[in-house]
Amino acid sequence: MRSSLRGRKPAVRAAVAAAITGLAIAAVTPTPAHADEQPVLERWLETVPADPGTTVDFTPTFANATESSARGLVIEVNLNRSFTVTTSYDNCVVSEEKFATCVLPTAEIPAGAAVSVDPATPFGIAVPSNIPGPMTSCAYCNHSILAVGEAAARAELAEFGGTETGNVLQLVTTETPDRAPYEGGNGTIDLQISANPLDLAANPVRVDGAEGEEVSFTVAISNNGPADMTGYVDGHLWFVVIEPATGMTFIDSDVCYATEDAGPWIDPTDWAEGAFACVGRELVAGRAQTATITASVQNASAATDGRIHARYFVNEWNDWSVLDGDLSNNIAMLALNTDTTDVSDDDDVAGPGDGSFPVTGVALSWWIGGGAAVLVAGVAGVVLMRRRAAVATW
């Protein structure tokens, strides 16, 4: 979270501090009407409907609940890596396409009054076309307002070459919202993303191996799109559980762990004995993530096929399975073929060399394993997923 004064040059910070504290500084002396400390202004959680691939208007509201007027305003909007500020006004500066600062030296909020950004001069927030929905997004996005006094605001404006006239962001008077203001920091921005599904799909695997052999096989989880699976910054984490076929025992994996060692995000008693689990992060539409597992074959006549489960975390805010447009392909077969003379293709099970098993995935570093999964689970507010009989009832 960025402070309203962070990153500004010492001279400007000193000027702002002078206006806030009422100290006399020769270079910047507040006008007599605003020589005292400026009021602390209220801001709110702002909820904005947003369609993927569009730019939405953001017009936050601010209020002055004190008994003195606030003058010389600095407004900031800070976004996360998924979104872009498209604001382009003569009294604003944008850095890294994520942080916008707008300065209004003569703007004033009288005691007991409220203002909002003029709908004719809104902040613009560009929403990527590949973001999944429906969901509430823009974690760590926020907005703030600071009254610094007219002189300090002019110094701030001059610092980045801004002007007070021309194409400028403006404010309009409004009613104070009939809800509690945001407490404890900058106001939060929640973007309500409309429906834009992704489609995680587990791919079937056939493992060929004779009794007593040690074999390796690759599991791939695809995203059929159209949306991407976004990263943990928005809490969107998914995981995979691979349950062995009877007659095989998992030994090791490059990125997966035994369920009892994978962290508190999964209960091993919910899954078959000897199952392995992996946690995924971002997965671009049209790509797959892969994991390799080494197993030993003990029984030449496996009675039950294993299963590959692509699942979503559920936390106290959301059930991420609502993002998936097709839950019917989230479970796939893991078949053990101990008849190594059988090299026939199977329409339902992918085997080595049959061309139907996608292995062109992103780097394996996108997977999270072991201790890292424990940390991520805590950040995402994960609760344990329970296996259900039918995928469609997730």
Protein backbone atom coordinates (compact mmCIF):
# COMPACT_ATOMS: atom_id res chain seq x y z
CA MET A 1 0.00 0.00 0.00
CA ARG A 2 1.52 3.35 -1.04
CA SER A 3 1.56 6.30 1.29
CA SER A 4 0.29 9.55 -0.19
CA LEU A 5 3.72 11.10 0.40
CA ARG A 6 5.95 8.16 -0.52
CA GLY A 7 8.32 8.65 -3.41
CA ARG A 8 8.07 12.44 -3.50
CA LYS A 9 11.15 14.64 -3.35
CA PRO A 10 12.30 16.03 0.02
CA ALA A 11 11.31 19.61 -0.83
CA VAL A 12 7.77 18.59 -1.64
CA ARG A 13 7.50 16.31 1.39
CA ALA A 14 8.67 19.21 3.55
CA ALA A 15 6.11 21.51 2.00
CA VAL A 16 3.32 19.02 2.56
CA ALA A 17 4.46 18.42 6.12
CA ALA A 18 4.49 22.15 6.74
CA ALA A 19 0.93 22.52 5.56
CA ILE A 20 -0.23 19.57 7.63
CA THR A 21 1.47 20.58 10.87
CA GLY A 22 1.17 24.35 10.52
CA LEU A 23 4.93 24.86 10.87
CA ALA A 24 6.30 27.99 9.20
CA ILE A 25 8.67 27.24 6.33
CA ALA A 26 9.96 30.18 4.35
CA ALA A 27 9.77 28.41 0.99
CA VAL A 28 6.13 27.39 1.36
CA THR A 29 3.91 29.31 3.77
CA PRO A 30 0.26 28.22 3.95
CA THR A 31 -2.34 30.92 3.47
CA PRO A 32 -3.74 32.22 6.78
CA ALA A 33 -7.08 30.49 6.21
CA HIS A 34 -5.30 27.13 6.02
CA ALA A 35 -2.32 27.57 8.29
CA ASP A 36 -3.71 25.09 10.81
CA GLU A 37 -3.62 21.34 10.43
CA GLN A 38 -5.81 20.16 7.57
CA PRO A 39 -8.77 17.86 8.33
CA VAL A 40 -8.54 14.11 7.85
CA LEU A 41 -11.06 13.18 5.18
CA GLU A 42 -13.29 10.12 4.97
CA ARG A 43 -13.34 7.59 2.11
CA TRP A 44 -15.32 4.44 1.44
CA LEU A 45 -15.09 0.96 0.04
CA GLU A 46 -16.00 1.50 -3.61
CA THR A 47 -17.64 -1.34 -5.58
CA VAL A 48 -17.51 -1.04 -9.37
CA PRO A 49 -19.19 -3.43 -11.89
CA ALA A 50 -16.66 -4.42 -14.55
CA ASP A 51 -16.81 -6.45 -17.75
CA PRO A 52 -13.61 -8.16 -18.97
CA GLY A 53 -11.96 -6.27 -21.82
CA THR A 54 -13.50 -2.89 -20.94
CA THR A 55 -12.41 0.31 -19.23
CA VAL A 56 -14.60 1.28 -16.29
CA ASP A 57 -15.12 4.70 -14.74
CA PHE A 58 -14.04 5.13 -11.14
CA THR A 59 -15.49 8.14 -9.30
CA PRO A 60 -14.80 7.74 -5.57
CA THR A 61 -16.54 9.79 -2.89
CA PHE A 62 -14.85 11.69 -0.06
CA ALA A 63 -16.32 13.54 2.91
CA ASN A 64 -15.22 16.06 5.51
CA ALA A 65 -16.76 15.14 8.85
CA THR A 66 -14.76 17.75 10.77
CA GLU A 67 -15.68 21.30 11.74
CA SER A 68 -13.11 23.00 9.51
CA SER A 69 -12.78 23.32 5.75
CA ALA A 70 -10.31 21.18 3.79
CA ARG A 71 -8.46 22.82 0.89
CA GLY A 72 -5.70 21.81 -1.49
CA LEU A 73 -6.45 18.16 -2.26
CA VAL A 74 -4.24 15.28 -3.40
CA ILE A 75 -6.10 12.18 -4.63
CA GLU A 76 -4.42 8.87 -5.40
CA VAL A 77 -5.54 5.61 -7.02
CA ASN A 78 -3.28 2.56 -6.67
CA LEU A 79 -3.93 -0.66 -8.60
CA ASN A 80 -2.42 -4.13 -8.57
CA ARG A 81 -0.57 -5.87 -11.40
CA SER A 82 -3.75 -7.05 -13.14
CA PHE A 83 -5.22 -3.62 -13.90
CA THR A 84 -4.16 -0.36 -15.55
CA VAL A 85 -4.97 3.29 -14.84
CA THR A 86 -5.94 5.05 -18.07
CA THR A 87 -6.31 8.53 -16.55
CA SER A 88 -4.76 11.35 -18.60
CA TYR A 89 -5.42 14.78 -17.11
CA ASP A 90 -3.24 17.88 -16.91
CA ASN A 91 -3.39 17.89 -13.11
CA CYS A 92 -2.57 14.19 -12.75
CA VAL A 93 0.53 12.04 -13.08
CA VAL A 94 0.55 8.27 -13.68
CA SER A 95 3.49 6.00 -12.89
CA GLU A 96 3.98 2.40 -14.02
CA GLU A 97 0.40 2.47 -15.37
CA LYS A 98 -0.72 1.45 -11.86
CA PHE A 99 -0.52 4.58 -9.70
CA ALA A 100 -2.31 7.86 -10.42
CA THR A 101 -1.91 11.08 -8.41
CA CYS A 102 -4.17 14.07 -9.08
CA VAL A 103 -3.66 17.47 -7.42
CA LEU A 104 -6.36 20.13 -7.02
CA PRO A 105 -4.83 23.19 -5.27
CA THR A 106 -8.02 25.28 -5.07
CA ALA A 107 -10.48 22.44 -4.49
CA GLU A 108 -12.22 22.66 -1.15
CA ILE A 109 -14.48 20.42 0.91
CA PRO A 110 -16.40 22.49 3.45
CA ALA A 111 -17.02 21.16 6.93
CA GLY A 112 -19.75 18.52 6.86
CA ALA A 113 -19.77 18.27 3.05
CA ALA A 114 -18.98 15.46 0.60
CA VAL A 115 -17.58 15.40 -2.93
CA SER A 116 -16.93 12.81 -5.59
CA VAL A 117 -14.80 12.73 -8.70
CA ASP A 118 -16.85 14.31 -11.49
CA PRO A 119 -18.36 11.57 -13.74
CA ALA A 120 -17.28 13.74 -16.67
CA THR A 121 -13.61 13.36 -15.60
CA PRO A 122 -13.38 9.89 -14.06
CA PHE A 123 -10.39 7.75 -13.27
CA GLY A 124 -10.28 4.99 -15.89
CA ILE A 125 -9.48 1.41 -14.89
CA ALA A 126 -8.72 -0.99 -17.76
CA VAL A 127 -9.92 -4.55 -17.09
CA PRO A 128 -8.02 -7.31 -18.95
CA SER A 129 -10.04 -9.44 -21.35
CA ASN A 130 -8.59 -12.68 -19.97
CA ILE A 131 -9.61 -12.17 -16.34
CA PRO A 132 -12.02 -14.86 -15.06
CA GLY A 133 -15.43 -14.15 -13.60
CA PRO A 134 -17.78 -13.86 -11.90
CA MET A 135 -15.70 -12.73 -8.95
CA THR A 136 -14.68 -9.78 -6.82
CA SER A 137 -11.22 -8.69 -7.89
CA CYS A 138 -8.55 -5.99 -7.53
CA ALA A 139 -6.95 -7.18 -4.30
CA TYR A 140 -4.76 -4.46 -2.76
CA CYS A 141 -6.28 -1.79 -5.02
CA ASN A 142 -7.04 1.37 -3.08
CA HIS A 143 -7.68 5.10 -3.23
CA SER A 144 -6.86 7.96 -0.88
CA ILE A 145 -7.30 11.70 -0.39
CA LEU A 146 -5.15 14.13 1.55
CA ALA A 147 -5.85 17.80 2.28
CA VAL A 148 -2.49 19.61 2.28
CA GLY A 149 -3.42 23.26 1.80
CA GLU A 150 -3.33 25.32 -1.36
CA ALA A 151 0.37 26.27 -1.31
CA ALA A 152 1.62 22.74 -0.71
CA ALA A 153 -0.71 21.40 -3.40
CA ARG A 154 0.67 23.91 -5.92
CA ALA A 155 4.19 22.79 -5.07
CA GLU A 156 3.12 19.19 -5.60
CA LEU A 157 1.55 20.06 -8.96
CA ALA A 158 4.65 21.94 -10.11
CA GLU A 159 6.85 19.00 -9.18
CA PHE A 160 5.49 16.91 -12.06
CA GLY A 161 4.72 19.84 -14.41
CA GLY A 162 0.96 19.74 -13.96
CA THR A 163 -1.44 22.61 -14.56
CA GLU A 164 -4.62 23.80 -12.85
CA THR A 165 -6.51 24.54 -16.07
CA GLY A 166 -7.26 22.71 -19.29
CA ASN A 167 -8.14 19.03 -19.28
CA VAL A 168 -8.20 18.49 -15.52
CA LEU A 169 -9.80 16.03 -13.15
CA GLN A 170 -12.55 17.79 -11.22
CA LEU A 171 -14.82 17.21 -8.23
CA VAL A 172 -18.56 17.69 -7.76
CA THR A 173 -20.59 17.97 -4.59
CA THR A 174 -22.59 14.92 -3.57
CA GLU A 175 -24.40 13.33 -0.65
CA THR A 176 -22.44 11.61 2.10
CA PRO A 177 -22.89 7.83 1.66
CA ASP A 178 -25.34 6.21 4.06
CA ARG A 179 -22.80 3.66 5.27
CA ALA A 180 -19.77 3.58 7.50
CA PRO A 181 -16.57 5.02 6.01
CA TYR A 182 -13.53 2.85 5.49
CA GLU A 183 -11.40 2.54 8.61
CA GLY A 184 -7.71 1.87 9.04
CA GLY A 185 -6.12 3.05 5.81
CA ASN A 186 -6.85 3.93 2.21
CA GLY A 187 -10.26 3.14 0.75
CA THR A 188 -10.55 -0.23 -0.97
CA ILE A 189 -11.57 -0.73 -4.62
CA ASP A 190 -13.61 -3.86 -5.40
CA LEU A 191 -14.19 -4.66 -9.06
CA GLN A 192 -17.18 -6.94 -9.58
CA ILE A 193 -16.05 -8.93 -12.62
CA SER A 194 -18.87 -10.32 -14.76
CA ALA A 195 -19.02 -13.90 -16.06
CA ASN A 196 -15.97 -14.97 -18.09
CA PRO A 197 -15.32 -18.68 -17.49
CA LEU A 198 -12.15 -20.70 -17.60
CA ASP A 199 -12.05 -24.48 -17.93
CA LEU A 200 -9.59 -26.57 -15.95
CA ALA A 201 -9.43 -30.09 -17.37
CA ALA A 202 -7.70 -33.18 -16.02
CA ASN A 203 -6.20 -35.31 -18.79
CA PRO A 204 -6.35 -39.14 -18.61
CA VAL A 205 -3.11 -41.10 -18.30
CA ARG A 206 -2.21 -44.74 -18.98
CA VAL A 207 0.87 -46.08 -17.20
CA ASP A 208 2.56 -49.08 -18.84
CA GLY A 209 4.64 -51.23 -16.49
CA ALA A 210 5.21 -54.84 -15.50
CA GLU A 211 5.08 -56.16 -11.96
CA GLY A 212 8.22 -55.22 -10.04
CA GLU A 213 9.10 -52.31 -12.33
CA GLU A 214 9.60 -48.67 -11.39
CA VAL A 215 7.87 -46.35 -13.85
CA SER A 216 7.47 -42.62 -14.40
CA PHE A 217 4.47 -40.87 -15.89
CA THR A 218 3.37 -37.28 -16.51
CA VAL A 219 0.12 -35.67 -15.41
CA ALA A 220 -1.11 -32.57 -17.25
CA ILE A 221 -3.84 -30.14 -16.23
CA SER A 222 -5.10 -27.94 -19.06
CA ASN A 223 -6.97 -24.65 -19.10
CA ASN A 224 -9.32 -24.67 -22.08
CA GLY A 225 -10.22 -21.01 -21.49
CA PRO A 226 -11.37 -18.59 -22.60
CA ALA A 227 -10.22 -16.89 -19.37
CA ASP A 228 -6.85 -17.34 -17.68
CA MET A 229 -6.46 -18.70 -14.18
CA THR A 230 -5.06 -15.66 -12.37
CA GLY A 231 -2.49 -15.68 -9.61
CA TYR A 232 -2.74 -15.82 -5.84
CA VAL A 233 -2.88 -12.03 -5.52
CA ASP A 234 -6.64 -12.47 -5.96
CA GLY A 235 -6.77 -15.71 -4.01
CA HIS A 236 -7.40 -17.88 -7.06
CA LEU A 237 -5.57 -21.07 -6.28
CA TRP A 238 -6.38 -24.52 -7.53
CA PHE A 239 -4.90 -27.88 -6.76
CA VAL A 240 -4.58 -31.38 -8.12
CA VAL A 241 -4.83 -34.69 -6.29
CA ILE A 242 -3.57 -37.85 -8.02
CA GLU A 243 -4.91 -41.08 -6.52
CA PRO A 244 -2.96 -44.23 -7.49
CA ALA A 245 -4.48 -47.22 -9.22
CA THR A 246 -4.46 -50.34 -7.10
CA GLY A 247 -1.28 -52.25 -7.79
CA MET A 248 0.96 -49.16 -7.86
CA THR A 249 2.65 -47.08 -5.16
CA PHE A 250 3.80 -43.51 -5.70
CA ILE A 251 7.46 -43.01 -4.77
CA ASP A 252 8.42 -39.45 -5.69
CA SER A 253 7.52 -36.42 -7.81
CA ASP A 254 9.25 -33.36 -9.17
CA VAL A 255 6.57 -30.97 -7.87
CA CYS A 256 3.94 -32.97 -5.96
CA TYR A 257 3.91 -34.24 -2.39
CA ALA A 258 2.15 -36.99 -0.49
CA THR A 259 -1.14 -35.57 0.77
CA GLU A 260 -0.06 -35.92 4.40
CA ASP A 261 3.01 -33.75 3.67
CA ALA A 262 1.39 -31.18 1.39
CA GLY A 263 0.28 -28.77 4.12
CA PRO A 264 -2.95 -27.84 5.92
CA TRP A 265 -4.78 -26.99 2.71
CA ILE A 266 -5.79 -30.63 2.19
CA ASP A 267 -7.00 -33.42 4.46
CA PRO A 268 -5.31 -36.72 3.47
CA THR A 269 -8.24 -38.70 4.88
CA ASP A 270 -10.42 -37.31 2.08
CA TRP A 271 -8.38 -39.11 -0.55
CA ALA A 272 -7.15 -42.59 -1.38
CA GLU A 273 -4.18 -43.88 0.56
CA GLY A 274 -0.88 -42.97 -1.09
CA ALA A 275 -2.30 -40.03 -3.09
CA PHE A 276 -0.07 -37.13 -4.17
CA ALA A 277 -1.10 -33.46 -4.39
CA CYS A 278 0.17 -30.30 -6.12
CA VAL A 279 -0.97 -26.68 -5.93
CA GLY A 280 -1.20 -24.55 -9.08
CA ARG A 281 -1.00 -20.83 -9.62
CA GLU A 282 -1.47 -19.02 -12.90
CA LEU A 283 -2.50 -21.03 -15.94
CA VAL A 284 -2.97 -19.24 -19.24
CA ALA A 285 -5.85 -20.33 -21.47
CA GLY A 286 -4.70 -22.88 -24.02
CA ARG A 287 -1.78 -24.09 -21.90
CA ALA A 288 -1.16 -26.95 -19.48
CA GLN A 289 0.89 -27.53 -16.35
CA THR A 290 2.67 -30.83 -15.93
CA ALA A 291 3.97 -32.93 -13.06
CA THR A 292 6.02 -36.13 -13.22
CA ILE A 293 5.46 -38.95 -10.74
CA THR A 294 7.60 -42.02 -10.15
CA ALA A 295 5.77 -45.17 -9.01
CA SER A 296 6.45 -48.84 -8.41
CA VAL A 297 4.22 -51.60 -9.79
CA GLN A 298 3.44 -54.37 -7.30
CA ASN A 299 0.39 -56.05 -8.75
CA ALA A 300 0.10 -57.33 -12.27
CA SER A 301 -3.69 -57.22 -12.18
CA ALA A 302 -4.83 -53.83 -10.97
CA ALA A 303 -8.45 -53.96 -9.87
CA THR A 304 -9.26 -50.25 -9.72
CA ASP A 305 -8.11 -47.30 -11.81
CA GLY A 306 -6.71 -44.25 -10.10
CA ARG A 307 -8.11 -40.75 -10.48
CA ILE A 308 -6.70 -37.31 -11.30
CA HIS A 309 -8.71 -34.51 -9.69
CA ALA A 310 -8.40 -30.84 -10.71
CA ARG A 311 -10.05 -28.91 -7.89
CA TYR A 312 -10.63 -25.38 -6.64
CA PHE A 313 -10.04 -23.93 -3.23
CA VAL A 314 -12.94 -22.56 -1.25
CA ASN A 315 -12.32 -19.71 1.17
CA GLU A 316 -14.52 -17.57 3.38
CA TRP A 317 -15.27 -15.18 0.51
CA ASN A 318 -15.65 -17.33 -2.58
CA ASP A 319 -16.05 -20.79 -4.04
CA TRP A 320 -13.72 -20.59 -7.03
CA SER A 321 -15.42 -23.49 -8.81
CA VAL A 322 -18.00 -20.97 -10.09
CA LEU A 323 -15.30 -19.75 -12.49
CA ASP A 324 -15.17 -23.09 -14.31
CA GLY A 325 -17.44 -23.31 -17.33
CA ASP A 326 -17.29 -27.12 -17.51
CA LEU A 327 -16.89 -29.12 -14.30
CA SER A 328 -17.50 -32.42 -16.10
CA ASN A 329 -13.85 -32.72 -17.19
CA ASN A 330 -12.22 -32.05 -13.82
CA ILE A 331 -11.69 -35.76 -13.06
CA ALA A 332 -9.72 -38.11 -15.31
CA MET A 333 -8.62 -41.75 -15.20
CA LEU A 334 -5.17 -42.96 -14.16
CA ALA A 335 -4.98 -46.47 -15.61
CA LEU A 336 -2.30 -49.07 -14.93
CA ASN A 337 -1.58 -51.31 -17.91
CA THR A 338 0.60 -54.25 -16.91
CA ASP A 339 0.24 -55.95 -20.28
CA THR A 340 3.14 -54.23 -21.99
CA THR A 341 2.39 -56.14 -25.19
CA ASP A 342 -0.84 -54.13 -25.50
CA VAL A 343 0.11 -51.01 -27.44
CA SER A 344 -3.34 -50.33 -28.89
CA ASP A 345 -4.78 -46.84 -28.63
CA ASP A 346 -7.61 -46.21 -26.23
CA ASP A 347 -10.05 -43.39 -26.85
CA ASP A 348 -10.48 -42.80 -23.13
CA VAL A 349 -6.95 -43.23 -21.80
CA ALA A 350 -3.88 -41.43 -23.05
CA GLY A 351 -0.69 -43.44 -23.19
CA PRO A 352 2.92 -42.77 -24.09
CA GLY A 353 3.34 -41.90 -27.72
CA ASP A 354 -0.33 -41.81 -28.67
CA GLY A 355 -0.24 -38.05 -29.24
CA SER A 356 -3.33 -37.28 -27.18
CA PHE A 357 -1.60 -36.34 -23.94
CA PRO A 358 -0.68 -32.61 -23.77
CA VAL A 359 2.74 -32.06 -22.29
CA THR A 360 3.49 -28.58 -23.61
CA GLY A 361 2.93 -26.87 -20.28
CA VAL A 362 4.34 -23.82 -18.59
CA ALA A 363 7.47 -24.09 -16.48
CA LEU A 364 7.15 -26.37 -13.48
CA SER A 365 8.20 -23.49 -11.25
CA TRP A 366 4.58 -22.33 -11.48
CA TRP A 367 3.67 -25.22 -9.22
CA ILE A 368 3.89 -24.74 -5.48
CA GLY A 369 4.95 -27.59 -3.26
CA GLY A 370 5.37 -28.50 0.37
CA GLY A 371 6.22 -25.65 2.73
CA ALA A 372 5.36 -23.00 0.14
CA ALA A 373 1.85 -24.40 -0.03
CA VAL A 374 1.48 -23.85 3.71
CA LEU A 375 2.23 -20.14 3.29
CA VAL A 376 -0.07 -19.74 0.31
CA ALA A 377 -2.88 -21.51 2.09
CA GLY A 378 -2.65 -19.00 4.91
CA VAL A 379 -2.68 -16.03 2.54
CA ALA A 380 -5.65 -17.29 0.58
CA GLY A 381 -7.74 -18.09 3.64
CA VAL A 382 -8.15 -21.64 2.43
CA VAL A 383 -10.47 -24.11 4.08
CA LEU A 384 -10.34 -27.80 3.42
CA MET A 385 -12.00 -29.12 0.29
CA ARG A 386 -14.13 -32.21 0.70
CA ARG A 387 -14.34 -34.77 -2.05
CA ARG A 388 -17.84 -35.19 -3.37
CA ALA A 389 -19.38 -38.02 -5.33
CA ALA A 390 -20.32 -35.95 -8.38
CA VAL A 391 -18.19 -33.20 -9.90
CA ALA A 392 -21.25 -31.18 -10.86
CA THR A 393 -22.18 -30.73 -7.19
CA TRP A 394 -19.01 -28.88 -6.18
